[in-house]
Amino acid sequence: MTLAEFVASAIPPVEGRHAAARALLDTIGVMLAGASESAAASVQQVVAQESSGLQCSVLGTRLRTSATNAALANGTAGHAHDYDDMCFVSLAHPSAPLVAAGLAIAELSGATGRALLEAYVVGFEIEARLGRAMNPRHYQRGWHCTSTLGTIGAAAAASRLLGFDAAVSVHALSIAASEASGLKENFGTMVKPFHAGLAARNGVLAALLAQAGLTASGSAIEGPQGFLAAMDSESSALLPFIADLGGRWEILDSGITVKLYPSCAATHPALDALLDLKYRDGFDAADVDRIDIGVDAITPTVLLHEHPSTGLEGKFSMPFCAAAAVVDGHVGLATFAADRLADPIVAGMRERVAMHVDPTLDAGAPPLTQARVQVTLKDGRVLGAVANGARGYPDRPATSEQLAAKFLSCAGVALPETRAREALAALQCIDGAADVRTVIDLCGSGGAT
């Protein structure tokens, strides 16, 4: 089965739709929380100026705009806090682009909730298969998979919602392959969340262009000068990784990692271990002489900021995240506000945190998923823990209660509490929605403009 045939004819399992519904709930929550962030506000300012069509909603605001601009704005907001979910096969944040693109096309077409969830699954599967073929080489080379693989996943989801057959889907995916980009050097800046918006926007645009008759090479992904070759794929062949499309489902096998801290996923195993030690042994910042955190070889290519000067840089700083966890006992949205970044106690603790590559960690484990934490206390005690994964990972999934609490916390940034609870209830039943626009309407009328 080709990628295009899968887009057109795949029948996602019920369990896959359930996983997609959880991802949709979580992602719309972080979109609402991110709608007032600087990166999202910048995009909203541009789309407000360019809004010739008013079909689609920018969540958490009163803005209505075109499908492509809505996807751009919502995708950026969804990744603005780095609180959106992860997949350790694609090494991407899959849901911000997939949900943003899916919502735009669903609102444009009046799709059902089931159709939206099936489109999400189709996009997720294609993105994950590309990840299996291309990573870790593609990611290590400097490409941001949320944007590169996410563009093709978003195009697949949009194509599915628009009802394309395999012939038209080929063109949409191939157009998306020429649009895809995103550089890891921009991690810790507003451009990183913008990457998710670009992936969503470009995926929607690719599908709409294919619908309008724009054609592209059928070998744009696997050809000798195609996506895999140009973007330094680990494998030059895609077929071994897609042979069982429709028979095995990545969304069920590899799963989705829900983030319970609004920081880079590479910080999460260490944060889990450090917080567990803190609660078990009862130490605080004044008791700590130093903290040493061992990580895999890829983590330092992501956590670039030893001395962060902004909240966005703080999300990509192991010393800052670890220091905040020790000082505050938690890591949340408020952790990355300017006052916490400048707090002298947090700053002092940060200088006592060191990150290094630990060669004894399991080389066969997925990147960014392990940490060895050692806390040396001033009284001479040495506390240690090894983390393999973190809470929220597929083998330790977030509970329904945790997802609901996270959604309400995030949605409360943009919506009144009553409206946030109405949106939560509607999203929990999204599979049965006759028209997704009734759910989107609950999320699109916040206080921002």
Protein backbone atom coordinates (compact mmCIF):
# COMPACT_ATOMS: atom_id res chain seq x y z
CA MET A 1 0.00 0.00 0.00
CA THR A 2 1.42 3.40 -0.95
CA LEU A 3 1.18 6.46 1.29
CA ALA A 4 -1.45 7.96 -1.02
CA GLU A 5 -3.52 4.77 -1.04
CA PHE A 6 -3.37 4.71 2.74
CA VAL A 7 -4.61 8.31 2.93
CA ALA A 8 -7.55 7.48 0.72
CA SER A 9 -8.63 4.10 2.04
CA ALA A 10 -7.28 3.39 5.55
CA ILE A 11 -9.82 2.35 8.17
CA PRO A 12 -8.38 3.41 11.55
CA PRO A 13 -9.35 1.16 14.48
CA VAL A 14 -11.68 2.37 17.20
CA GLU A 15 -8.79 2.36 19.67
CA GLY A 16 -6.87 4.63 17.31
CA ARG A 17 -9.75 7.10 17.25
CA HIS A 18 -9.84 7.04 21.05
CA ALA A 19 -6.10 7.85 21.16
CA ALA A 20 -6.66 10.64 18.65
CA ALA A 21 -9.50 12.05 20.77
CA ARG A 22 -7.21 12.25 23.82
CA ALA A 23 -4.59 14.00 21.68
CA LEU A 24 -7.19 16.43 20.33
CA LEU A 25 -8.36 17.32 23.85
CA ASP A 26 -4.82 17.84 25.10
CA THR A 27 -3.74 19.85 22.07
CA ILE A 28 -6.72 22.20 22.01
CA GLY A 29 -6.01 22.91 25.66
CA VAL A 30 -2.41 23.91 24.99
CA MET A 31 -3.55 25.94 21.96
CA LEU A 32 -5.83 27.95 24.23
CA ALA A 33 -3.02 28.44 26.75
CA GLY A 34 -0.66 29.51 23.99
CA ALA A 35 -3.02 31.89 22.21
CA SER A 36 -1.81 34.86 24.25
CA GLU A 37 1.90 34.06 24.01
CA SER A 38 4.18 36.37 22.03
CA ALA A 39 4.81 34.00 19.14
CA ALA A 40 1.09 33.34 18.72
CA ALA A 41 0.22 37.04 19.02
CA SER A 42 2.68 37.92 16.27
CA VAL A 43 1.09 35.41 13.92
CA GLN A 44 -2.40 36.59 14.85
CA GLN A 45 -1.44 40.16 13.97
CA VAL A 46 -0.38 39.06 10.50
CA VAL A 47 -3.38 36.84 9.80
CA ALA A 48 -5.75 39.57 11.01
CA GLN A 49 -4.28 41.87 8.38
CA GLU A 50 -4.52 39.25 5.65
CA SER A 51 -7.96 37.85 6.42
CA SER A 52 -9.89 38.04 3.19
CA GLY A 53 -11.91 34.92 4.07
CA LEU A 54 -13.62 34.44 7.40
CA GLN A 55 -14.38 30.72 7.43
CA CYS A 56 -12.14 29.45 10.22
CA SER A 57 -11.47 30.19 13.91
CA VAL A 58 -8.31 31.15 15.74
CA LEU A 59 -8.85 29.39 19.07
CA GLY A 60 -8.88 31.47 22.21
CA THR A 61 -9.57 34.67 20.25
CA ARG A 62 -12.43 36.31 18.33
CA LEU A 63 -10.46 36.14 15.08
CA ARG A 64 -11.86 34.39 12.03
CA THR A 65 -9.68 33.94 8.98
CA SER A 66 -8.84 31.65 6.06
CA ALA A 67 -8.16 27.93 6.51
CA THR A 68 -4.43 28.32 5.90
CA ASN A 69 -4.09 31.26 8.27
CA ALA A 70 -6.15 29.54 10.97
CA ALA A 71 -3.89 26.50 10.70
CA LEU A 72 -0.82 28.76 10.96
CA ALA A 73 -2.13 30.61 14.02
CA ASN A 74 -3.48 27.57 15.87
CA GLY A 75 -0.42 25.45 15.12
CA THR A 76 1.86 28.16 16.49
CA ALA A 77 -0.28 28.57 19.62
CA GLY A 78 -0.34 24.80 20.14
CA HIS A 79 3.45 24.68 20.39
CA ALA A 80 3.99 28.07 22.08
CA HIS A 81 4.43 26.63 25.58
CA ASP A 82 6.17 23.42 24.41
CA TYR A 83 3.40 21.69 26.37
CA ASP A 84 2.03 19.73 23.41
CA ASP A 85 2.49 15.99 23.03
CA MET A 86 5.46 14.06 21.62
CA CYS A 87 6.16 10.94 19.60
CA PHE A 88 9.53 9.29 20.07
CA VAL A 89 9.35 7.53 16.71
CA SER A 90 8.86 10.63 14.59
CA LEU A 91 10.86 12.70 17.15
CA ALA A 92 8.18 15.30 16.60
CA HIS A 93 5.33 17.04 18.35
CA PRO A 94 2.68 15.45 16.12
CA SER A 95 -0.54 16.94 17.38
CA ALA A 96 -0.01 20.70 17.10
CA PRO A 97 0.27 20.58 13.27
CA LEU A 98 -2.17 17.67 12.83
CA VAL A 99 -4.89 19.18 15.00
CA ALA A 100 -4.44 22.70 13.63
CA ALA A 101 -4.64 21.48 10.03
CA GLY A 102 -7.52 19.12 10.80
CA LEU A 103 -9.57 21.78 12.59
CA ALA A 104 -9.15 24.23 9.70
CA ILE A 105 -10.31 21.77 7.05
CA ALA A 106 -13.03 20.33 9.31
CA GLU A 107 -14.40 23.82 9.93
CA LEU A 108 -14.21 24.62 6.22
CA SER A 109 -16.06 21.45 5.25
CA GLY A 110 -18.37 20.83 8.21
CA ALA A 111 -16.76 17.45 8.95
CA THR A 112 -17.94 15.08 11.64
CA GLY A 113 -15.92 14.38 14.75
CA ARG A 114 -15.22 10.85 13.58
CA ALA A 115 -13.88 12.12 10.25
CA LEU A 116 -11.56 14.52 12.08
CA LEU A 117 -10.22 11.76 14.34
CA GLU A 118 -9.68 9.38 11.42
CA ALA A 119 -7.80 12.12 9.55
CA TYR A 120 -5.61 12.65 12.61
CA VAL A 121 -4.78 8.93 12.75
CA VAL A 122 -3.92 8.85 9.04
CA GLY A 123 -1.58 11.83 9.39
CA PHE A 124 0.00 10.40 12.56
CA GLU A 125 0.69 7.06 10.89
CA ILE A 126 2.40 8.59 7.87
CA GLU A 127 4.46 10.92 10.04
CA ALA A 128 5.58 8.05 12.27
CA ARG A 129 6.55 5.84 9.31
CA LEU A 130 8.64 8.68 7.89
CA GLY A 131 10.22 9.02 11.32
CA ARG A 132 11.15 5.34 11.39
CA ALA A 133 12.78 5.65 7.99
CA MET A 134 14.57 8.97 8.51
CA ASN A 135 15.58 9.21 12.17
CA PRO A 136 17.77 9.63 14.08
CA ARG A 137 20.01 10.89 11.25
CA HIS A 138 17.47 13.41 9.95
CA TYR A 139 16.95 14.87 13.42
CA GLN A 140 20.65 14.89 14.31
CA ARG A 141 21.41 16.73 11.08
CA GLY A 142 19.48 19.72 12.45
CA TRP A 143 15.99 19.26 11.04
CA HIS A 144 13.03 19.92 13.34
CA CYS A 145 10.78 16.93 12.68
CA THR A 146 7.67 18.71 13.98
CA SER A 147 8.00 20.95 10.95
CA THR A 148 9.51 18.63 8.34
CA LEU A 149 7.61 15.39 8.92
CA GLY A 150 4.72 17.39 10.37
CA THR A 151 4.11 19.15 7.05
CA ILE A 152 3.56 15.84 5.28
CA GLY A 153 1.44 14.49 8.13
CA ALA A 154 -0.72 17.63 8.06
CA ALA A 155 -1.14 17.32 4.28
CA ALA A 156 -2.23 13.70 4.73
CA ALA A 157 -4.81 14.65 7.38
CA ALA A 158 -6.16 17.50 5.25
CA SER A 159 -6.34 15.25 2.18
CA ARG A 160 -8.28 12.64 4.10
CA LEU A 161 -10.81 15.21 5.33
CA LEU A 162 -11.25 16.57 1.82
CA GLY A 163 -12.04 13.07 0.56
CA PHE A 164 -9.19 12.77 -1.94
CA ASP A 165 -8.58 9.56 -3.83
CA ALA A 166 -5.05 8.16 -4.08
CA ALA A 167 -4.30 10.05 -7.30
CA VAL A 168 -4.97 13.47 -5.78
CA SER A 169 -3.37 12.51 -2.46
CA VAL A 170 -0.08 11.81 -4.25
CA HIS A 171 0.02 15.41 -5.43
CA ALA A 172 -0.85 16.80 -1.99
CA LEU A 173 1.90 14.79 -0.26
CA SER A 174 4.42 15.69 -2.96
CA ILE A 175 3.59 19.40 -2.76
CA ALA A 176 4.03 19.16 1.02
CA ALA A 177 7.44 17.53 0.56
CA SER A 178 8.65 20.65 -1.25
CA GLU A 179 7.24 22.94 1.47
CA ALA A 180 8.74 21.12 4.46
CA SER A 181 11.49 22.80 6.50
CA GLY A 182 12.41 23.81 10.06
CA LEU A 183 15.81 24.16 11.75
CA LYS A 184 16.70 23.09 15.29
CA GLU A 185 19.05 26.05 15.60
CA ASN A 186 15.90 28.08 16.29
CA PHE A 187 15.07 26.07 19.42
CA GLY A 188 14.52 28.39 22.36
CA THR A 189 13.11 31.18 20.17
CA MET A 190 9.63 32.10 18.94
CA VAL A 191 10.43 30.45 15.62
CA LYS A 192 10.25 26.97 17.16
CA PRO A 193 6.48 27.17 17.83
CA PHE A 194 6.12 28.94 14.49
CA HIS A 195 7.49 25.76 12.90
CA ALA A 196 4.37 23.89 14.06
CA GLY A 197 2.19 26.61 12.57
CA LEU A 198 4.10 26.46 9.30
CA ALA A 199 3.68 22.68 9.14
CA ALA A 200 -0.08 23.00 9.65
CA ARG A 201 -0.41 25.89 7.20
CA ASN A 202 1.71 24.21 4.55
CA GLY A 203 -0.16 20.93 4.91
CA VAL A 204 -3.51 22.66 4.42
CA LEU A 205 -2.12 24.68 1.51
CA ALA A 206 -0.73 21.55 -0.15
CA ALA A 207 -4.13 19.85 0.04
CA LEU A 208 -6.02 22.88 -1.24
CA LEU A 209 -3.55 23.29 -4.11
CA ALA A 210 -3.91 19.64 -5.06
CA GLN A 211 -7.69 20.04 -4.94
CA ALA A 212 -7.35 23.01 -7.30
CA GLY A 213 -5.38 20.93 -9.80
CA LEU A 214 -1.74 21.66 -8.97
CA THR A 215 0.31 18.58 -9.81
CA ALA A 216 3.65 17.35 -8.49
CA SER A 217 6.11 14.51 -8.99
CA GLY A 218 4.95 11.16 -7.69
CA SER A 219 8.52 10.47 -6.55
CA ALA A 220 8.98 13.68 -4.55
CA ILE A 221 9.37 11.74 -1.31
CA GLU A 222 11.48 8.73 -2.33
CA GLY A 223 13.13 9.88 -5.56
CA PRO A 224 16.91 10.36 -5.95
CA GLN A 225 16.49 14.10 -5.36
CA GLY A 226 13.41 13.79 -3.17
CA PHE A 227 12.51 14.38 0.47
CA LEU A 228 14.40 11.41 1.97
CA ALA A 229 17.59 12.07 0.03
CA ALA A 230 17.66 15.84 0.43
CA MET A 231 16.85 15.76 4.15
CA ASP A 232 19.49 13.20 5.10
CA SER A 233 17.27 10.23 5.85
CA GLU A 234 18.72 7.30 7.78
CA SER A 235 17.24 5.01 5.11
CA SER A 236 17.03 5.76 1.41
CA ALA A 237 14.01 3.47 1.00
CA LEU A 238 10.58 4.01 2.50
CA LEU A 239 8.93 0.74 1.43
CA PRO A 240 10.25 -1.39 4.33
CA PHE A 241 8.66 1.03 6.76
CA ILE A 242 5.24 1.29 5.11
CA ALA A 243 4.71 -2.30 4.01
CA ASP A 244 2.31 -2.94 6.89
CA LEU A 245 0.38 0.35 6.68
CA GLY A 246 -3.20 -0.33 7.67
CA GLY A 247 -2.25 -3.61 9.36
CA ARG A 248 -0.16 -2.23 12.22
CA TRP A 249 -0.94 1.08 13.86
CA GLU A 250 1.86 3.25 15.25
CA ILE A 251 -0.62 5.28 17.28
CA LEU A 252 -1.32 2.12 19.29
CA ASP A 253 2.12 0.47 19.22
CA SER A 254 4.47 3.42 19.81
CA GLY A 255 1.79 5.73 21.18
CA ILE A 256 1.60 9.40 22.09
CA THR A 257 3.50 10.98 24.96
CA VAL A 258 1.44 13.58 26.84
CA LYS A 259 3.63 16.26 28.37
CA LEU A 260 3.04 16.97 32.04
CA TYR A 261 5.70 19.72 32.13
CA PRO A 262 5.66 22.69 29.69
CA SER A 263 9.33 22.27 28.76
CA CYS A 264 11.32 20.34 26.19
CA ALA A 265 10.62 16.61 26.40
CA ALA A 266 14.34 15.99 26.91
CA THR A 267 14.02 17.51 30.40
CA HIS A 268 11.15 15.28 31.51
CA PRO A 269 12.93 12.06 32.60
CA ALA A 270 15.35 14.10 34.72
CA LEU A 271 12.55 16.23 36.17
CA ASP A 272 10.56 13.13 37.15
CA ALA A 273 13.60 11.59 38.85
CA LEU A 274 14.60 14.83 40.58
CA LEU A 275 11.11 15.59 41.88
CA ASP A 276 10.73 12.00 43.12
CA LEU A 277 14.00 12.33 45.03
CA LYS A 278 12.97 15.71 46.45
CA TYR A 279 9.65 14.37 47.75
CA ARG A 280 11.19 11.15 49.03
CA ASP A 281 14.11 12.74 50.87
CA GLY A 282 12.67 16.15 51.70
CA PHE A 283 15.58 18.38 50.62
CA ASP A 284 15.31 21.92 49.31
CA ALA A 285 17.66 24.24 47.42
CA ALA A 286 19.57 25.30 50.54
CA ASP A 287 20.50 21.65 51.22
CA VAL A 288 21.97 20.97 47.76
CA ASP A 289 25.67 21.18 46.99
CA ARG A 290 25.34 20.12 43.33
CA ILE A 291 23.19 18.15 40.89
CA ASP A 292 24.69 16.06 38.08
CA ILE A 293 22.42 14.88 35.28
CA GLY A 294 23.58 12.28 32.76
CA VAL A 295 21.77 12.18 29.41
CA ASP A 296 22.07 10.55 25.99
CA ALA A 297 24.18 12.03 23.20
CA ILE A 298 21.26 13.69 21.40
CA THR A 299 19.90 15.61 24.39
CA PRO A 300 22.67 18.28 24.37
CA THR A 301 21.82 19.04 20.73
CA VAL A 302 18.34 20.01 21.90
CA LEU A 303 18.89 21.57 25.33
CA LEU A 304 21.00 24.41 24.00
CA HIS A 305 20.73 27.02 26.75
CA GLU A 306 22.87 26.61 29.86
CA HIS A 307 22.26 30.24 30.89
CA PRO A 308 18.78 31.12 29.56
CA SER A 309 17.79 34.76 29.25
CA THR A 310 14.15 34.23 28.27
CA GLY A 311 11.37 31.86 29.25
CA LEU A 312 11.57 30.19 25.84
CA GLU A 313 15.26 29.53 26.33
CA GLY A 314 14.46 28.25 29.81
CA LYS A 315 12.34 25.47 28.33
CA PHE A 316 15.51 24.25 26.60
CA SER A 317 17.77 24.52 29.63
CA MET A 318 18.34 21.51 31.85
CA PRO A 319 20.03 23.63 34.57
CA PHE A 320 17.10 26.05 34.77
CA CYS A 321 14.37 23.39 34.69
CA ALA A 322 16.12 21.29 37.32
CA ALA A 323 16.75 24.33 39.52
CA ALA A 324 13.12 25.44 39.31
CA ALA A 325 11.97 21.92 40.19
CA VAL A 326 14.13 21.89 43.32
CA VAL A 327 13.20 25.42 44.42
CA ASP A 328 9.47 25.34 43.63
CA GLY A 329 8.71 21.62 43.88
CA HIS A 330 6.99 21.63 40.50
CA VAL A 331 7.38 22.83 36.90
CA GLY A 332 4.35 24.52 35.33
CA LEU A 333 3.33 27.34 33.03
CA ALA A 334 4.36 29.97 35.59
CA THR A 335 7.86 28.48 35.88
CA PHE A 336 8.92 30.21 32.67
CA ALA A 337 7.67 33.69 33.52
CA ALA A 338 10.26 36.46 33.68
CA ASP A 339 10.14 36.73 37.48
CA ARG A 340 11.02 33.06 37.95
CA LEU A 341 13.83 33.26 35.43
CA ALA A 342 15.32 36.20 37.34
CA ASP A 343 14.68 34.78 40.82
CA PRO A 344 18.02 34.83 42.69
CA ILE A 345 17.35 31.53 44.48
CA VAL A 346 16.54 29.75 41.20
CA ALA A 347 19.54 31.39 39.51
CA GLY A 348 21.83 30.31 42.35
CA MET A 349 20.55 26.75 42.21
CA ARG A 350 20.96 26.73 38.41
CA GLU A 351 24.71 27.30 38.77
CA ARG A 352 24.94 24.07 40.77
CA VAL A 353 23.36 21.90 38.05
CA ALA A 354 25.58 20.21 35.45
CA MET A 355 24.45 18.12 32.46
CA HIS A 356 26.76 15.67 30.71
CA VAL A 357 26.54 12.77 28.25
CA ASP A 358 26.42 9.47 30.16
CA PRO A 359 27.80 6.60 28.03
CA THR A 360 26.38 4.00 30.43
CA LEU A 361 22.78 4.78 29.46
CA ASP A 362 21.04 2.31 27.15
CA ALA A 363 22.15 3.14 23.60
CA GLY A 364 19.17 1.23 22.22
CA ALA A 365 16.57 3.38 23.97
CA PRO A 366 14.73 6.11 22.04
CA PRO A 367 16.54 9.46 22.14
CA LEU A 368 15.64 11.96 24.88
CA THR A 369 14.02 9.33 27.11
CA GLN A 370 16.67 8.56 29.75
CA ALA A 371 18.48 10.37 32.54
CA ARG A 372 20.74 9.52 35.46
CA VAL A 373 20.34 12.05 38.29
CA GLN A 374 22.73 12.42 41.22
CA VAL A 375 22.06 14.96 43.97
CA THR A 376 24.93 15.69 46.33
CA LEU A 377 23.74 17.31 49.56
CA LYS A 378 25.77 19.59 51.77
CA ASP A 379 25.58 17.09 54.63
CA GLY A 380 27.51 14.59 52.51
CA ARG A 381 24.65 12.39 51.41
CA VAL A 382 24.49 11.43 47.72
CA LEU A 383 21.07 10.61 46.27
CA GLY A 384 20.60 8.99 42.89
CA ALA A 385 17.96 7.82 40.47
CA VAL A 386 17.77 6.56 36.89
CA ALA A 387 14.79 7.51 34.74
CA ASN A 388 13.65 5.54 31.73
CA GLY A 389 10.88 7.65 30.31
CA ALA A 390 8.61 9.86 32.35
CA ARG A 391 5.03 10.20 33.53
CA GLY A 392 2.78 10.76 30.53
CA TYR A 393 4.72 8.34 28.32
CA PRO A 394 2.75 5.55 26.60
CA ASP A 395 3.80 2.99 29.22
CA ARG A 396 2.74 5.40 31.99
CA PRO A 397 -0.08 7.28 30.28
CA ALA A 398 -1.73 10.36 31.70
CA THR A 399 -5.03 9.49 33.32
CA SER A 400 -8.30 10.95 32.11
CA GLU A 401 -8.34 13.06 35.26
CA GLN A 402 -4.84 14.40 34.57
CA LEU A 403 -5.80 15.24 30.98
CA ALA A 404 -8.94 17.04 32.13
CA ALA A 405 -7.04 19.00 34.79
CA LYS A 406 -4.36 19.99 32.30
CA PHE A 407 -7.00 21.07 29.77
CA LEU A 408 -8.87 23.24 32.27
CA SER A 409 -5.63 24.82 33.48
CA CYS A 410 -4.62 25.64 29.91
CA ALA A 411 -8.05 26.65 28.64
CA GLY A 412 -8.49 28.95 31.62
CA VAL A 413 -5.82 31.21 30.17
CA ALA A 414 -8.15 32.11 27.29
CA LEU A 415 -11.69 31.12 28.30
CA PRO A 416 -14.01 31.72 31.27
CA GLU A 417 -14.24 28.68 33.52
CA THR A 418 -17.81 27.81 32.46
CA ARG A 419 -16.90 27.92 28.77
CA ALA A 420 -13.73 25.90 29.41
CA ARG A 421 -15.78 23.17 31.11
CA GLU A 422 -18.29 23.17 28.24
CA ALA A 423 -15.44 22.79 25.77
CA LEU A 424 -13.98 19.95 27.83
CA ALA A 425 -17.30 18.09 27.85
CA ALA A 426 -17.73 18.56 24.09
CA LEU A 427 -14.19 17.39 23.33
CA GLN A 428 -14.62 14.31 25.49
CA CYS A 429 -17.47 13.31 23.14
CA ILE A 430 -15.87 14.49 19.89
CA ASP A 431 -16.14 11.09 18.18
CA GLY A 432 -19.91 11.48 18.06
CA ALA A 433 -20.05 15.12 16.95
CA ALA A 434 -22.18 15.57 13.82
CA ASP A 435 -20.38 18.81 12.94
CA VAL A 436 -17.03 19.74 14.46
CA ARG A 437 -17.90 23.42 14.15
CA THR A 438 -20.17 23.14 17.19
CA VAL A 439 -17.14 22.10 19.26
CA ILE A 440 -14.79 24.68 17.72
CA ASP A 441 -17.27 27.45 18.51
CA LEU A 442 -16.81 26.73 22.22
CA CYS A 443 -13.06 27.34 21.91
CA GLY A 444 -12.97 30.37 19.66
CA SER A 445 -14.49 33.21 21.63
CA GLY A 446 -11.96 34.23 24.25
CA GLY A 447 -10.94 37.67 25.26
CA ALA A 448 -8.03 38.20 22.87
CA THR A 449 -8.49 39.92 19.50
